[in-house]
């Protein structure tokens, strides 16, 4: 009898674990059906809805070896002429900076082109054609920003702490809206009812900022 009872308890535990595994893999399948692969930024990993495509970031510029050799040659010449007459050295024309011929730094292609907004801490950007009712579609954008570049920098603690408010103010100013009062910053907990993911609470601006972009009505959610 004892053996039979033990076997019964073991079977119940096994079936419970099997059911839990089935629910877990159903959850993963749901994620994979709706979300794209993991995209990594600086200190950020995110999966976004599949319909969103990555907007490529700036291409890192390769260092020109000729400029490096030129700079090295200048340094050697300076070392060789160190004992030259000080007055002559003072009157000699100064060498231009090594990067004097470099073109002006280009705007990050991920930054908005449709409005006078430059997002601080931009790490990732995505775009998609979104349905807005019926057969109509409009371009939608998704941006991921962080204060990671400010953390640990001397004198940047206050900027890092105020990062969220800075982003909100930047967007509000760009679309001609006032900063939202604190009561509009509501809490949104996600996920809802998923036992395998730690619940996180986000601040959300509700309702989002209304904006007119290229003659079309948009809403910017934060």
N, C-alpha and C. Protein backbone atom coordinates (compact mmCIF):
# COMPACT_ATOMS: atom_id res chain seq x y z
N UNK A 1 0.83 -1.20 0.00
CA UNK A 1 0.00 0.00 0.00
C UNK A 1 0.86 1.25 0.00
N UNK A 2 1.92 1.23 0.80
CA UNK A 2 2.82 2.37 0.87
C UNK A 2 3.46 2.61 -0.49
N UNK A 3 3.90 1.52 -1.13
CA UNK A 3 4.52 1.63 -2.44
C UNK A 3 3.54 2.19 -3.45
N UNK A 4 2.28 1.77 -3.37
CA UNK A 4 1.27 2.26 -4.31
C UNK A 4 1.02 3.74 -4.10
N UNK A 5 0.97 4.18 -2.85
CA UNK A 5 0.75 5.60 -2.56
C UNK A 5 1.92 6.44 -3.07
N UNK A 6 3.15 5.96 -2.86
CA UNK A 6 4.34 6.69 -3.32
C UNK A 6 4.33 6.81 -4.84
N UNK A 7 3.96 5.72 -5.50
CA UNK A 7 3.92 5.75 -6.96
C UNK A 7 2.87 6.75 -7.44
N UNK A 8 1.76 6.80 -6.75
CA UNK A 8 0.70 7.74 -7.13
C UNK A 8 1.15 9.17 -6.98
N UNK A 9 1.84 9.50 -5.89
CA UNK A 9 2.34 10.86 -5.67
C UNK A 9 3.37 11.23 -6.73
N UNK A 10 4.24 10.28 -7.08
CA UNK A 10 5.26 10.52 -8.10
C UNK A 10 4.63 10.80 -9.45
N UNK A 11 3.58 10.06 -9.78
CA UNK A 11 2.92 10.26 -11.08
C UNK A 11 2.27 11.65 -11.15
N UNK A 12 1.66 12.06 -10.03
CA UNK A 12 1.02 13.37 -10.00
C UNK A 12 2.05 14.49 -10.19
N UNK A 13 3.23 14.34 -9.54
CA UNK A 13 4.29 15.34 -9.68
C UNK A 13 4.80 15.38 -11.11
N UNK A 14 4.96 14.20 -11.70
CA UNK A 14 5.44 14.11 -13.09
C UNK A 14 4.47 14.80 -14.04
N UNK A 15 3.18 14.51 -13.88
CA UNK A 15 2.17 15.11 -14.75
C UNK A 15 2.11 16.62 -14.58
N UNK A 16 2.31 17.08 -13.32
CA UNK A 16 2.33 18.53 -13.06
C UNK A 16 3.49 19.19 -13.79
N UNK A 17 4.68 18.57 -13.70
CA UNK A 17 5.86 19.12 -14.38
C UNK A 17 5.68 19.07 -15.90
N UNK A 18 5.07 18.00 -16.39
CA UNK A 18 4.85 17.87 -17.83
C UNK A 18 3.92 18.97 -18.33
N UNK A 19 2.87 19.25 -17.57
CA UNK A 19 1.94 20.29 -17.94
C UNK A 19 2.61 21.67 -17.89
N UNK A 20 3.46 21.85 -16.88
CA UNK A 20 4.18 23.12 -16.76
C UNK A 20 5.13 23.30 -17.94
N UNK A 21 5.79 22.23 -18.36
CA UNK A 21 6.69 22.29 -19.51
C UNK A 21 5.92 22.61 -20.78
N UNK A 22 4.74 21.99 -20.92
CA UNK A 22 3.91 22.24 -22.10
C UNK A 22 3.52 23.70 -22.18
N UNK A 23 3.12 24.30 -21.06
CA UNK A 23 2.73 25.70 -21.02
C UNK A 23 3.92 26.61 -21.32
N UNK A 24 5.09 26.23 -20.81
CA UNK A 24 6.29 27.04 -21.03
C UNK A 24 6.66 27.07 -22.52
N UNK A 25 6.66 25.90 -23.17
CA UNK A 25 7.03 25.86 -24.59
C UNK A 25 5.95 26.50 -25.46
N UNK A 26 4.71 26.47 -25.03
CA UNK A 26 3.65 27.19 -25.73
C UNK A 26 3.91 28.69 -25.65
N UNK A 27 4.38 29.14 -24.48
CA UNK A 27 4.72 30.55 -24.28
C UNK A 27 5.88 30.96 -25.19
N UNK A 28 6.93 30.11 -25.26
CA UNK A 28 8.07 30.41 -26.12
C UNK A 28 7.65 30.46 -27.60
N UNK A 29 6.78 29.54 -27.99
CA UNK A 29 6.30 29.52 -29.37
C UNK A 29 5.54 30.81 -29.69
N UNK A 30 4.76 31.28 -28.72
CA UNK A 30 4.02 32.53 -28.92
C UNK A 30 4.98 33.70 -29.11
N UNK A 31 6.05 33.73 -28.31
CA UNK A 31 7.05 34.79 -28.46
C UNK A 31 7.69 34.74 -29.84
N UNK A 32 8.10 33.54 -30.25
CA UNK A 32 8.79 33.40 -31.53
C UNK A 32 7.90 33.71 -32.72
N UNK A 33 6.60 33.50 -32.57
CA UNK A 33 5.67 33.82 -33.65
C UNK A 33 5.49 35.32 -33.82
N UNK A 34 5.66 36.05 -32.73
CA UNK A 34 5.36 37.49 -32.76
C UNK A 34 6.57 38.40 -32.71
N UNK A 35 7.70 37.91 -32.18
CA UNK A 35 8.87 38.76 -32.00
C UNK A 35 10.02 38.32 -32.89
N UNK A 36 10.83 39.29 -33.29
CA UNK A 36 12.02 39.01 -34.07
C UNK A 36 13.15 38.54 -33.18
N UNK A 37 14.35 38.38 -33.74
CA UNK A 37 15.51 37.94 -32.95
C UNK A 37 15.95 39.00 -31.96
N UNK A 38 16.80 38.61 -31.04
CA UNK A 38 17.35 39.56 -30.07
C UNK A 38 18.27 40.54 -30.79
N UNK A 39 18.03 41.84 -30.57
CA UNK A 39 18.88 42.90 -31.11
C UNK A 39 19.62 43.53 -29.93
N UNK A 40 20.92 43.72 -30.09
CA UNK A 40 21.74 44.20 -28.98
C UNK A 40 22.28 45.60 -29.27
N UNK A 41 22.13 46.46 -28.27
CA UNK A 41 22.76 47.78 -28.31
C UNK A 41 23.73 47.86 -27.13
N UNK A 42 24.19 49.03 -26.82
CA UNK A 42 25.12 49.20 -25.71
C UNK A 42 24.36 49.06 -24.39
N UNK A 43 24.52 47.91 -23.73
CA UNK A 43 23.82 47.68 -22.47
C UNK A 43 22.35 47.37 -22.64
N UNK A 44 21.92 47.04 -23.87
CA UNK A 44 20.50 46.81 -24.13
C UNK A 44 20.33 45.57 -24.99
N UNK A 45 19.36 44.73 -24.64
CA UNK A 45 18.92 43.64 -25.49
C UNK A 45 17.40 43.70 -25.58
N UNK A 46 16.87 43.56 -26.79
CA UNK A 46 15.43 43.69 -26.96
C UNK A 46 14.96 42.86 -28.15
N UNK A 47 13.74 42.34 -28.04
CA UNK A 47 13.06 41.70 -29.16
C UNK A 47 11.83 42.55 -29.47
N UNK A 48 11.70 42.95 -30.70
CA UNK A 48 10.58 43.80 -31.08
C UNK A 48 9.64 43.01 -32.00
N UNK A 49 8.39 43.46 -32.17
CA UNK A 49 7.47 42.77 -33.08
C UNK A 49 8.09 42.57 -34.46
N UNK A 50 7.78 41.41 -35.05
CA UNK A 50 8.43 41.01 -36.30
C UNK A 50 8.28 42.00 -37.43
N UNK A 51 7.19 42.76 -37.44
CA UNK A 51 6.99 43.67 -38.56
C UNK A 51 7.95 44.85 -38.55
N UNK A 52 8.64 45.06 -37.43
CA UNK A 52 9.60 46.17 -37.36
C UNK A 52 10.95 45.74 -37.92
N UNK A 53 11.54 46.60 -38.73
CA UNK A 53 12.86 46.35 -39.31
C UNK A 53 13.87 47.31 -38.68
N UNK A 54 15.09 46.81 -38.51
CA UNK A 54 16.15 47.62 -37.90
C UNK A 54 16.56 48.75 -38.85
N UNK A 55 16.67 49.96 -38.31
CA UNK A 55 17.27 51.08 -39.04
C UNK A 55 18.77 51.04 -38.74
N UNK A 56 19.61 50.81 -39.75
CA UNK A 56 21.05 50.67 -39.49
C UNK A 56 21.65 51.93 -38.86
N UNK A 57 22.59 51.71 -37.96
CA UNK A 57 23.29 52.82 -37.33
C UNK A 57 24.42 53.33 -38.20
N UNK A 58 25.16 54.32 -37.71
CA UNK A 58 26.28 54.86 -38.49
C UNK A 58 27.37 53.83 -38.68
N UNK A 59 28.02 53.85 -39.84
CA UNK A 59 29.12 52.93 -40.12
C UNK A 59 30.40 53.50 -39.53
N UNK A 60 31.08 52.73 -38.66
CA UNK A 60 32.32 53.25 -38.06
C UNK A 60 33.34 53.61 -39.14
N UNK A 61 33.94 54.78 -39.01
CA UNK A 61 34.93 55.22 -39.99
C UNK A 61 36.27 54.54 -39.74
N UNK A 62 36.88 54.07 -40.82
CA UNK A 62 38.21 53.46 -40.70
C UNK A 62 39.27 54.54 -40.62
N UNK A 63 40.27 54.30 -39.78
CA UNK A 63 41.36 55.26 -39.65
C UNK A 63 42.22 55.24 -40.91
N UNK A 64 42.57 56.43 -41.37
CA UNK A 64 43.40 56.56 -42.56
C UNK A 64 44.85 56.34 -42.17
N UNK A 65 45.49 55.23 -42.67
CA UNK A 65 46.89 54.97 -42.29
C UNK A 65 47.84 56.07 -42.73
N UNK A 66 47.50 56.77 -43.84
CA UNK A 66 48.36 57.85 -44.32
C UNK A 66 48.41 58.99 -43.31
N UNK A 67 47.24 59.30 -42.71
CA UNK A 67 47.20 60.36 -41.70
C UNK A 67 47.99 59.96 -40.47
N UNK A 68 47.87 58.66 -40.12
CA UNK A 68 48.60 58.17 -38.94
C UNK A 68 50.10 58.28 -39.18
N UNK A 69 50.57 57.91 -40.41
CA UNK A 69 51.99 58.00 -40.73
C UNK A 69 52.45 59.45 -40.75
N UNK A 70 51.57 60.33 -41.28
CA UNK A 70 51.90 61.75 -41.35
C UNK A 70 52.08 62.33 -39.96
N UNK A 71 51.16 61.93 -39.06
CA UNK A 71 51.23 62.43 -37.69
C UNK A 71 52.50 61.89 -37.01
N UNK A 72 52.81 60.60 -37.29
CA UNK A 72 54.00 60.01 -36.70
C UNK A 72 55.26 60.70 -37.18
N UNK A 73 55.25 61.06 -38.48
CA UNK A 73 56.40 61.77 -39.05
C UNK A 73 56.58 63.13 -38.40
N UNK A 74 55.45 63.82 -38.17
CA UNK A 74 55.51 65.13 -37.52
C UNK A 74 56.07 65.02 -36.12
N UNK A 75 55.63 63.98 -35.40
CA UNK A 75 56.13 63.78 -34.05
C UNK A 75 57.63 63.53 -34.06
N UNK A 76 58.13 62.78 -35.07
CA UNK A 76 59.56 62.50 -35.16
C UNK A 76 60.33 63.77 -35.45
N UNK A 77 59.77 64.58 -36.38
CA UNK A 77 60.44 65.84 -36.72
C UNK A 77 60.53 66.76 -35.51
N UNK A 78 59.44 66.80 -34.74
CA UNK A 78 59.44 67.66 -33.55
C UNK A 78 60.48 67.20 -32.55
N UNK A 79 60.64 65.89 -32.41
CA UNK A 79 61.62 65.36 -31.46
C UNK A 79 63.03 65.69 -31.92
N UNK A 80 63.26 65.62 -33.25
CA UNK A 80 64.59 65.88 -33.77
C UNK A 80 64.97 67.35 -33.66
N UNK A 81 63.97 68.22 -33.78
CA UNK A 81 64.24 69.66 -33.77
C UNK A 81 64.04 70.28 -32.39
N UNK A 82 63.96 69.42 -31.37
CA UNK A 82 63.65 69.94 -30.04
C UNK A 82 64.67 70.95 -29.55
N UNK A 83 65.91 70.76 -30.00
CA UNK A 83 66.96 71.66 -29.52
C UNK A 83 67.10 72.91 -30.36
N UNK A 84 66.22 73.12 -31.34
CA UNK A 84 66.31 74.29 -32.22
C UNK A 84 66.03 75.57 -31.45
N UNK A 85 66.37 76.68 -32.09
CA UNK A 85 66.19 77.98 -31.47
C UNK A 85 64.73 78.23 -31.11
N UNK A 86 64.42 78.62 -29.87
CA UNK A 86 63.05 78.79 -29.40
C UNK A 86 62.32 79.88 -30.16
N UNK A 87 63.02 80.98 -30.50
CA UNK A 87 62.36 82.06 -31.23
C UNK A 87 61.94 81.60 -32.61
N UNK A 88 62.79 80.79 -33.26
CA UNK A 88 62.45 80.30 -34.59
C UNK A 88 61.25 79.36 -34.52
N UNK A 89 61.25 78.55 -33.48
CA UNK A 89 60.13 77.62 -33.31
C UNK A 89 58.84 78.39 -33.04
N UNK A 90 58.98 79.50 -32.30
CA UNK A 90 57.80 80.29 -31.96
C UNK A 90 57.19 80.93 -33.20
N UNK A 91 58.08 81.37 -34.15
CA UNK A 91 57.61 82.05 -35.35
C UNK A 91 57.14 81.08 -36.43
N UNK A 92 57.53 79.80 -36.30
CA UNK A 92 57.17 78.82 -37.33
C UNK A 92 55.67 78.59 -37.34
N UNK A 93 55.07 78.33 -38.52
CA UNK A 93 53.63 78.07 -38.59
C UNK A 93 53.28 76.79 -37.84
N UNK A 94 52.16 76.81 -37.17
CA UNK A 94 51.72 75.66 -36.40
C UNK A 94 51.11 74.60 -37.31
N UNK A 95 51.36 73.34 -36.96
CA UNK A 95 50.78 72.23 -37.73
C UNK A 95 49.28 72.19 -37.49
N UNK A 96 48.48 71.95 -38.52
CA UNK A 96 47.03 71.81 -38.32
C UNK A 96 46.74 70.52 -37.58
N UNK A 97 45.61 70.44 -36.90
CA UNK A 97 45.23 69.20 -36.22
C UNK A 97 45.18 68.05 -37.21
N UNK A 98 45.47 66.83 -36.72
CA UNK A 98 45.50 65.66 -37.58
C UNK A 98 44.17 65.41 -38.26
N UNK A 99 43.08 65.84 -37.60
CA UNK A 99 41.75 65.57 -38.16
C UNK A 99 41.14 66.81 -38.81
N UNK A 100 42.03 67.79 -39.20
CA UNK A 100 41.51 69.05 -39.75
C UNK A 100 40.77 68.82 -41.05
N UNK A 101 41.18 67.80 -41.81
CA UNK A 101 40.55 67.54 -43.10
C UNK A 101 39.33 66.64 -42.98
N UNK A 102 39.02 66.16 -41.78
CA UNK A 102 37.89 65.26 -41.60
C UNK A 102 36.60 66.03 -41.82
N UNK A 103 35.64 65.46 -42.54
CA UNK A 103 34.36 66.14 -42.73
C UNK A 103 33.60 66.23 -41.42
N UNK A 104 32.66 67.17 -41.37
CA UNK A 104 31.84 67.35 -40.18
C UNK A 104 31.09 66.06 -39.87
N UNK A 105 31.03 65.71 -38.60
CA UNK A 105 30.39 64.47 -38.20
C UNK A 105 28.94 64.44 -38.68
N UNK A 106 28.59 63.34 -39.36
CA UNK A 106 27.25 63.23 -39.92
C UNK A 106 26.25 62.85 -38.85
N UNK A 107 24.99 63.23 -39.07
CA UNK A 107 23.92 62.90 -38.14
C UNK A 107 23.66 61.40 -38.18
N UNK A 108 23.45 60.84 -37.02
CA UNK A 108 23.14 59.42 -36.90
C UNK A 108 21.90 59.12 -37.75
N UNK A 109 22.00 58.19 -38.72
CA UNK A 109 20.86 57.91 -39.60
C UNK A 109 19.65 57.33 -38.88
N UNK A 110 19.83 56.92 -37.64
CA UNK A 110 18.70 56.39 -36.87
C UNK A 110 17.86 57.49 -36.25
N UNK A 111 18.42 58.70 -36.17
CA UNK A 111 17.69 59.82 -35.59
C UNK A 111 16.53 60.21 -36.53
N UNK A 112 15.42 60.73 -35.97
CA UNK A 112 14.27 61.11 -36.80
C UNK A 112 14.64 62.12 -37.88
N UNK A 113 14.11 61.88 -39.09
CA UNK A 113 14.31 62.82 -40.20
C UNK A 113 13.05 63.66 -40.41
N UNK A 114 11.97 63.28 -39.75
CA UNK A 114 10.67 63.89 -40.00
C UNK A 114 10.33 64.99 -39.00
N UNK A 115 11.17 65.23 -38.01
CA UNK A 115 10.89 66.24 -37.00
C UNK A 115 12.21 66.72 -36.40
N UNK A 116 12.15 67.87 -35.77
CA UNK A 116 13.34 68.46 -35.17
C UNK A 116 13.56 67.84 -33.79
N UNK A 117 13.91 66.55 -33.81
CA UNK A 117 14.17 65.81 -32.57
C UNK A 117 15.51 65.10 -32.70
N UNK A 118 16.35 65.27 -31.70
CA UNK A 118 17.57 64.48 -31.59
C UNK A 118 17.52 63.75 -30.26
N UNK A 119 17.30 62.44 -30.32
CA UNK A 119 17.14 61.66 -29.10
C UNK A 119 18.48 61.48 -28.40
N UNK A 120 18.54 61.76 -27.10
CA UNK A 120 19.76 61.47 -26.34
C UNK A 120 19.85 59.97 -26.07
N UNK A 121 21.06 59.45 -26.02
CA UNK A 121 21.26 58.04 -25.65
C UNK A 121 20.63 57.05 -26.61
N UNK A 122 20.50 57.40 -27.89
CA UNK A 122 19.87 56.50 -28.86
C UNK A 122 20.74 55.27 -29.08
N UNK A 123 20.15 54.10 -28.86
CA UNK A 123 20.87 52.84 -29.04
C UNK A 123 20.36 52.03 -30.23
N UNK A 124 19.04 51.99 -30.39
CA UNK A 124 18.45 51.18 -31.45
C UNK A 124 17.25 51.92 -32.04
N UNK A 125 16.99 51.69 -33.33
CA UNK A 125 15.82 52.30 -33.97
C UNK A 125 15.24 51.31 -34.97
N UNK A 126 13.92 51.33 -35.09
CA UNK A 126 13.21 50.40 -35.96
C UNK A 126 12.10 51.16 -36.69
N UNK A 127 11.66 50.61 -37.83
CA UNK A 127 10.54 51.21 -38.54
C UNK A 127 9.66 50.11 -39.13
N UNK A 128 8.40 50.48 -39.42
CA UNK A 128 7.47 49.52 -39.98
C UNK A 128 6.30 50.27 -40.60
N UNK A 129 5.67 49.64 -41.59
CA UNK A 129 4.41 50.15 -42.13
C UNK A 129 3.28 49.59 -41.28
N UNK A 130 2.57 50.46 -40.58
CA UNK A 130 1.56 50.02 -39.63
C UNK A 130 0.16 50.35 -40.14
N UNK A 131 -0.75 49.43 -39.91
CA UNK A 131 -2.13 49.65 -40.29
C UNK A 131 -2.78 50.65 -39.34
N UNK A 132 -3.47 51.63 -39.90
CA UNK A 132 -4.11 52.66 -39.08
C UNK A 132 -5.62 52.70 -39.32
N UNK A 133 -6.14 51.56 -39.76
CA UNK A 133 -7.59 51.49 -40.00
C UNK A 133 -7.89 51.24 -41.46
N UNK A 134 -8.69 50.20 -41.72
CA UNK A 134 -9.02 49.88 -43.10
C UNK A 134 -7.78 49.42 -43.85
N UNK A 135 -7.59 49.94 -45.04
CA UNK A 135 -6.42 49.58 -45.84
C UNK A 135 -5.30 50.62 -45.74
N UNK A 136 -5.51 51.63 -44.91
CA UNK A 136 -4.52 52.70 -44.79
C UNK A 136 -3.32 52.25 -43.96
N UNK A 137 -2.15 52.69 -44.38
CA UNK A 137 -0.91 52.39 -43.64
C UNK A 137 -0.10 53.66 -43.48
N UNK A 138 0.59 53.75 -42.37
CA UNK A 138 1.52 54.85 -42.14
C UNK A 138 2.81 54.28 -41.57
N UNK A 139 3.88 55.03 -41.76
CA UNK A 139 5.17 54.62 -41.24
C UNK A 139 5.18 54.80 -39.72
N UNK A 140 5.60 53.76 -39.03
CA UNK A 140 5.73 53.85 -37.57
C UNK A 140 7.19 53.63 -37.18
N UNK A 141 7.58 54.20 -36.06
CA UNK A 141 8.98 54.12 -35.64
C UNK A 141 9.06 53.71 -34.17
N UNK A 142 10.12 53.01 -33.85
CA UNK A 142 10.36 52.58 -32.47
C UNK A 142 11.82 52.89 -32.14
N UNK A 143 12.01 53.59 -31.01
CA UNK A 143 13.36 53.99 -30.61
C UNK A 143 13.66 53.48 -29.21
N UNK A 144 14.90 53.04 -29.00
CA UNK A 144 15.34 52.57 -27.69
C UNK A 144 16.46 53.48 -27.22
N UNK A 145 16.24 54.14 -26.09
CA UNK A 145 17.22 55.10 -25.56
C UNK A 145 17.68 54.64 -24.18
N UNK A 146 18.93 54.93 -23.83
CA UNK A 146 19.42 54.62 -22.48
C UNK A 146 20.30 55.76 -21.98
N UNK A 147 20.48 55.78 -20.67
CA UNK A 147 21.41 56.76 -20.08
C UNK A 147 22.77 56.12 -19.80
N UNK A 148 23.04 54.98 -20.46
CA UNK A 148 24.27 54.23 -20.20
C UNK A 148 25.54 55.03 -20.40
N UNK A 149 25.55 55.92 -21.40
CA UNK A 149 26.76 56.70 -21.67
C UNK A 149 27.05 57.72 -20.57
N UNK A 150 26.03 58.04 -19.77
CA UNK A 150 26.22 59.03 -18.70
C UNK A 150 26.66 58.38 -17.40
N UNK A 151 26.36 57.10 -17.23
CA UNK A 151 26.65 56.43 -15.97
C UNK A 151 28.15 56.28 -15.77
N UNK A 152 28.61 56.62 -14.59
CA UNK A 152 30.02 56.46 -14.26
C UNK A 152 30.91 57.59 -14.75
N UNK A 153 30.36 58.54 -15.49
CA UNK A 153 31.16 59.67 -15.94
C UNK A 153 31.17 60.77 -14.89
N UNK A 154 32.33 61.34 -14.68
CA UNK A 154 32.46 62.40 -13.67
C UNK A 154 31.57 63.59 -14.04
N UNK A 155 30.77 64.02 -13.08
CA UNK A 155 29.91 65.18 -13.29
C UNK A 155 28.64 64.89 -14.06
N UNK A 156 28.36 63.61 -14.35
CA UNK A 156 27.17 63.27 -15.15
C UNK A 156 26.07 62.61 -14.34
N UNK A 157 26.26 62.50 -13.03
CA UNK A 157 25.27 61.81 -12.21
C UNK A 157 23.89 62.46 -12.30
N UNK A 158 23.86 63.80 -12.23
CA UNK A 158 22.57 64.49 -12.28
C UNK A 158 21.90 64.31 -13.64
N UNK A 159 22.69 64.35 -14.72
CA UNK A 159 22.13 64.15 -16.05
C UNK A 159 21.58 62.73 -16.20
N UNK A 160 22.30 61.76 -15.65
CA UNK A 160 21.85 60.37 -15.73
C UNK A 160 20.54 60.18 -14.98
N UNK A 161 20.44 60.80 -13.79
CA UNK A 161 19.23 60.67 -12.98
C UNK A 161 18.04 61.35 -13.63
N UNK A 162 18.31 62.42 -14.38
CA UNK A 162 17.22 63.19 -15.01
C UNK A 162 16.96 62.76 -16.44
N UNK A 163 17.54 61.64 -16.86
CA UNK A 163 17.48 61.23 -18.26
C UNK A 163 16.04 61.08 -18.77
N UNK A 164 15.20 60.38 -18.03
CA UNK A 164 13.81 60.17 -18.47
C UNK A 164 13.10 61.49 -18.68
N UNK A 165 13.24 62.39 -17.71
CA UNK A 165 12.58 63.69 -17.82
C UNK A 165 13.13 64.50 -19.01
N UNK A 166 14.43 64.35 -19.28
CA UNK A 166 15.04 65.05 -20.41
C UNK A 166 14.45 64.57 -21.72
N UNK A 167 14.28 63.25 -21.86
CA UNK A 167 13.71 62.68 -23.08
C UNK A 167 12.28 63.18 -23.28
N UNK A 168 11.49 63.13 -22.21
CA UNK A 168 10.09 63.57 -22.29
C UNK A 168 10.01 65.04 -22.68
N UNK A 169 10.84 65.86 -22.06
CA UNK A 169 10.85 67.30 -22.36
C UNK A 169 11.27 67.54 -23.81
N UNK A 170 12.27 66.80 -24.29
CA UNK A 170 12.74 66.96 -25.66
C UNK A 170 11.62 66.69 -26.67
N UNK A 171 10.86 65.61 -26.43
CA UNK A 171 9.77 65.26 -27.34
C UNK A 171 8.63 66.27 -27.24
N UNK A 172 8.26 66.62 -26.02
CA UNK A 172 7.16 67.58 -25.82
C UNK A 172 7.47 68.90 -26.51
N UNK A 173 8.69 69.38 -26.37
CA UNK A 173 9.09 70.65 -26.97
C UNK A 173 9.06 70.56 -28.49
N UNK A 174 9.49 69.41 -29.04
CA UNK A 174 9.55 69.25 -30.49
C UNK A 174 8.17 69.25 -31.14
N UNK A 175 7.16 68.74 -30.42
CA UNK A 175 5.81 68.67 -30.99
C UNK A 175 4.91 69.78 -30.46
N UNK A 176 5.50 70.73 -29.74
CA UNK A 176 4.73 71.88 -29.28
C UNK A 176 3.73 71.56 -28.19
N UNK A 177 4.08 70.61 -27.32
CA UNK A 177 3.19 70.23 -26.23
C UNK A 177 3.89 70.50 -24.89
N UNK A 178 3.11 70.76 -23.83
CA UNK A 178 3.73 70.94 -22.51
C UNK A 178 4.19 69.60 -21.94
N UNK A 179 5.15 69.67 -21.04
CA UNK A 179 5.56 68.44 -20.35
C UNK A 179 4.36 67.87 -19.60
N UNK A 180 4.19 66.55 -19.61
CA UNK A 180 3.03 65.97 -18.94
C UNK A 180 3.13 66.11 -17.43
N UNK A 181 2.04 66.41 -16.75
CA UNK A 181 2.07 66.47 -15.29
C UNK A 181 2.30 65.07 -14.72
N UNK A 182 2.79 64.99 -13.48
CA UNK A 182 3.10 63.68 -12.87
C UNK A 182 1.95 62.69 -12.93
N UNK A 183 0.71 63.15 -12.83
CA UNK A 183 -0.42 62.22 -12.82
C UNK A 183 -0.61 61.51 -14.16
N UNK A 184 0.00 62.05 -15.22
CA UNK A 184 -0.10 61.38 -16.51
C UNK A 184 0.94 60.27 -16.66
N UNK A 185 1.90 60.24 -15.75
CA UNK A 185 2.92 59.19 -15.78
C UNK A 185 2.40 58.00 -14.98
N UNK A 186 1.73 57.09 -15.64
CA UNK A 186 1.13 55.95 -14.96
C UNK A 186 2.07 54.75 -14.97
N UNK A 187 1.81 53.81 -14.08
CA UNK A 187 2.60 52.58 -14.00
C UNK A 187 1.94 51.48 -14.84
N UNK A 188 2.76 50.74 -15.57
CA UNK A 188 2.26 49.62 -16.37
C UNK A 188 3.14 48.42 -16.07
N UNK A 189 2.55 47.37 -15.49
CA UNK A 189 3.31 46.18 -15.12
C UNK A 189 3.19 45.14 -16.23
N UNK A 190 4.30 44.58 -16.64
CA UNK A 190 4.33 43.51 -17.64
C UNK A 190 5.37 42.47 -17.23
N UNK A 191 5.25 41.22 -17.65
CA UNK A 191 4.09 40.69 -18.37
C UNK A 191 2.95 40.41 -17.42
N UNK A 192 1.81 40.11 -17.98
CA UNK A 192 0.63 39.85 -17.17
C UNK A 192 0.35 38.35 -17.13
N UNK A 193 0.56 37.73 -15.98
CA UNK A 193 0.22 36.33 -15.81
C UNK A 193 1.22 35.33 -16.37
N UNK A 194 2.45 35.75 -16.71
CA UNK A 194 3.45 34.80 -17.19
C UNK A 194 4.39 34.47 -16.05
N UNK A 195 4.37 33.19 -15.64
CA UNK A 195 5.13 32.79 -14.45
C UNK A 195 6.62 32.69 -14.71
N UNK A 196 7.04 32.66 -15.98
CA UNK A 196 8.46 32.40 -16.28
C UNK A 196 9.26 33.68 -16.50
N UNK A 197 8.61 34.81 -16.43
CA UNK A 197 9.30 36.09 -16.65
C UNK A 197 9.05 37.00 -15.45
N UNK A 198 10.13 37.57 -14.94
CA UNK A 198 10.00 38.48 -13.79
C UNK A 198 9.17 39.69 -14.20
N UNK A 199 8.23 40.05 -13.35
CA UNK A 199 7.36 41.20 -13.65
C UNK A 199 8.16 42.49 -13.51
N UNK A 200 7.97 43.37 -14.46
CA UNK A 200 8.65 44.67 -14.43
C UNK A 200 7.60 45.78 -14.52
N UNK A 201 7.90 46.88 -13.87
CA UNK A 201 6.97 48.01 -13.89
C UNK A 201 7.60 49.16 -14.66
N UNK A 202 6.85 49.69 -15.63
CA UNK A 202 7.32 50.78 -16.47
C UNK A 202 6.47 52.02 -16.25
N UNK A 203 7.10 53.16 -16.41
CA UNK A 203 6.36 54.42 -16.43
C UNK A 203 5.91 54.68 -17.86
N UNK A 204 4.67 55.05 -18.02
CA UNK A 204 4.11 55.27 -19.36
C UNK A 204 3.43 56.64 -19.40
N UNK A 205 3.65 57.39 -20.49
CA UNK A 205 2.96 58.66 -20.68
C UNK A 205 1.62 58.36 -21.35
N UNK A 206 0.52 58.58 -20.63
CA UNK A 206 -0.81 58.33 -21.18
C UNK A 206 -1.68 59.57 -21.03
N UNK A 207 -2.35 59.99 -22.09
CA UNK A 207 -2.17 59.51 -23.47
C UNK A 207 -0.86 60.03 -24.05
N UNK A 208 -0.42 59.44 -25.17
CA UNK A 208 0.82 59.89 -25.79
C UNK A 208 0.70 61.29 -26.36
N UNK A 209 1.80 61.82 -26.83
CA UNK A 209 1.81 63.17 -27.40
C UNK A 209 1.21 63.16 -28.80
N UNK A 210 0.22 64.01 -29.08
CA UNK A 210 -0.26 64.14 -30.45
C UNK A 210 0.77 64.93 -31.26
N UNK A 211 0.98 64.52 -32.51
CA UNK A 211 1.96 65.21 -33.35
C UNK A 211 1.50 65.18 -34.80
N UNK A 212 1.78 66.24 -35.53
CA UNK A 212 1.51 66.28 -36.96
C UNK A 212 2.84 66.14 -37.68
N UNK A 213 2.99 65.03 -38.42
CA UNK A 213 4.24 64.75 -39.11
C UNK A 213 3.94 64.61 -40.60
N UNK A 214 4.54 65.50 -41.39
CA UNK A 214 4.33 65.49 -42.83
C UNK A 214 2.84 65.51 -43.17
N UNK A 215 2.07 66.31 -42.42
CA UNK A 215 0.65 66.48 -42.68
C UNK A 215 -0.23 65.34 -42.21
N UNK A 216 0.36 64.38 -41.47
CA UNK A 216 -0.41 63.24 -40.98
C UNK A 216 -0.43 63.24 -39.45
N UNK A 217 -1.52 62.75 -38.89
CA UNK A 217 -1.65 62.71 -37.44
C UNK A 217 -0.92 61.50 -36.86
N UNK A 218 -0.07 61.77 -35.90
CA UNK A 218 0.70 60.73 -35.23
C UNK A 218 0.49 60.82 -33.72
N UNK A 219 0.87 59.79 -33.04
CA UNK A 219 0.91 59.81 -31.59
C UNK A 219 2.25 59.24 -31.15
N UNK A 220 2.91 59.94 -30.25
CA UNK A 220 4.21 59.48 -29.74
C UNK A 220 4.00 58.93 -28.34
N UNK A 221 4.20 57.64 -28.18
CA UNK A 221 4.07 56.98 -26.88
C UNK A 221 5.45 56.82 -26.25
N UNK A 222 5.48 57.00 -24.94
CA UNK A 222 6.72 56.83 -24.20
C UNK A 222 6.48 55.82 -23.09
